């Protein structure tokens, strides 16, 4: 698979859903710490960034692949900074909110991409 195929909007949305589900599973206290860290890290690394960049198909594929972690970390850092500034600190709740929002936006965008124009 070449980078252009991998960085297509539909594949990016699939990646974001998969990593968001992994992030939610990573919150499970019964998991070993290493497994939890890998799942949550994969979500933060690829989840929000891939759903954001799926909205910009005009950006070249090589740039989208580079920007995925950058956009994801930026959104998480800005959101977490704002929440902590206002005295809200609940890591599990924040992770669940990020993952749920990522899934919701990805499903919405997938529906837009896969529904024929006349059936909306």
Foldseek 3Di string as FASTA:
>chain_A
DDLLVCLALLNLLVQLLVLLVLQLVLVDPVDPVVSSCVSVVSNLQAHPLSLVCSVPSVPDSVVSVVCRNVVSNVVLVVVVVVCVVVVDDDVSVSSNVVSVVSNVSSVVVVCVVPDDPVVD
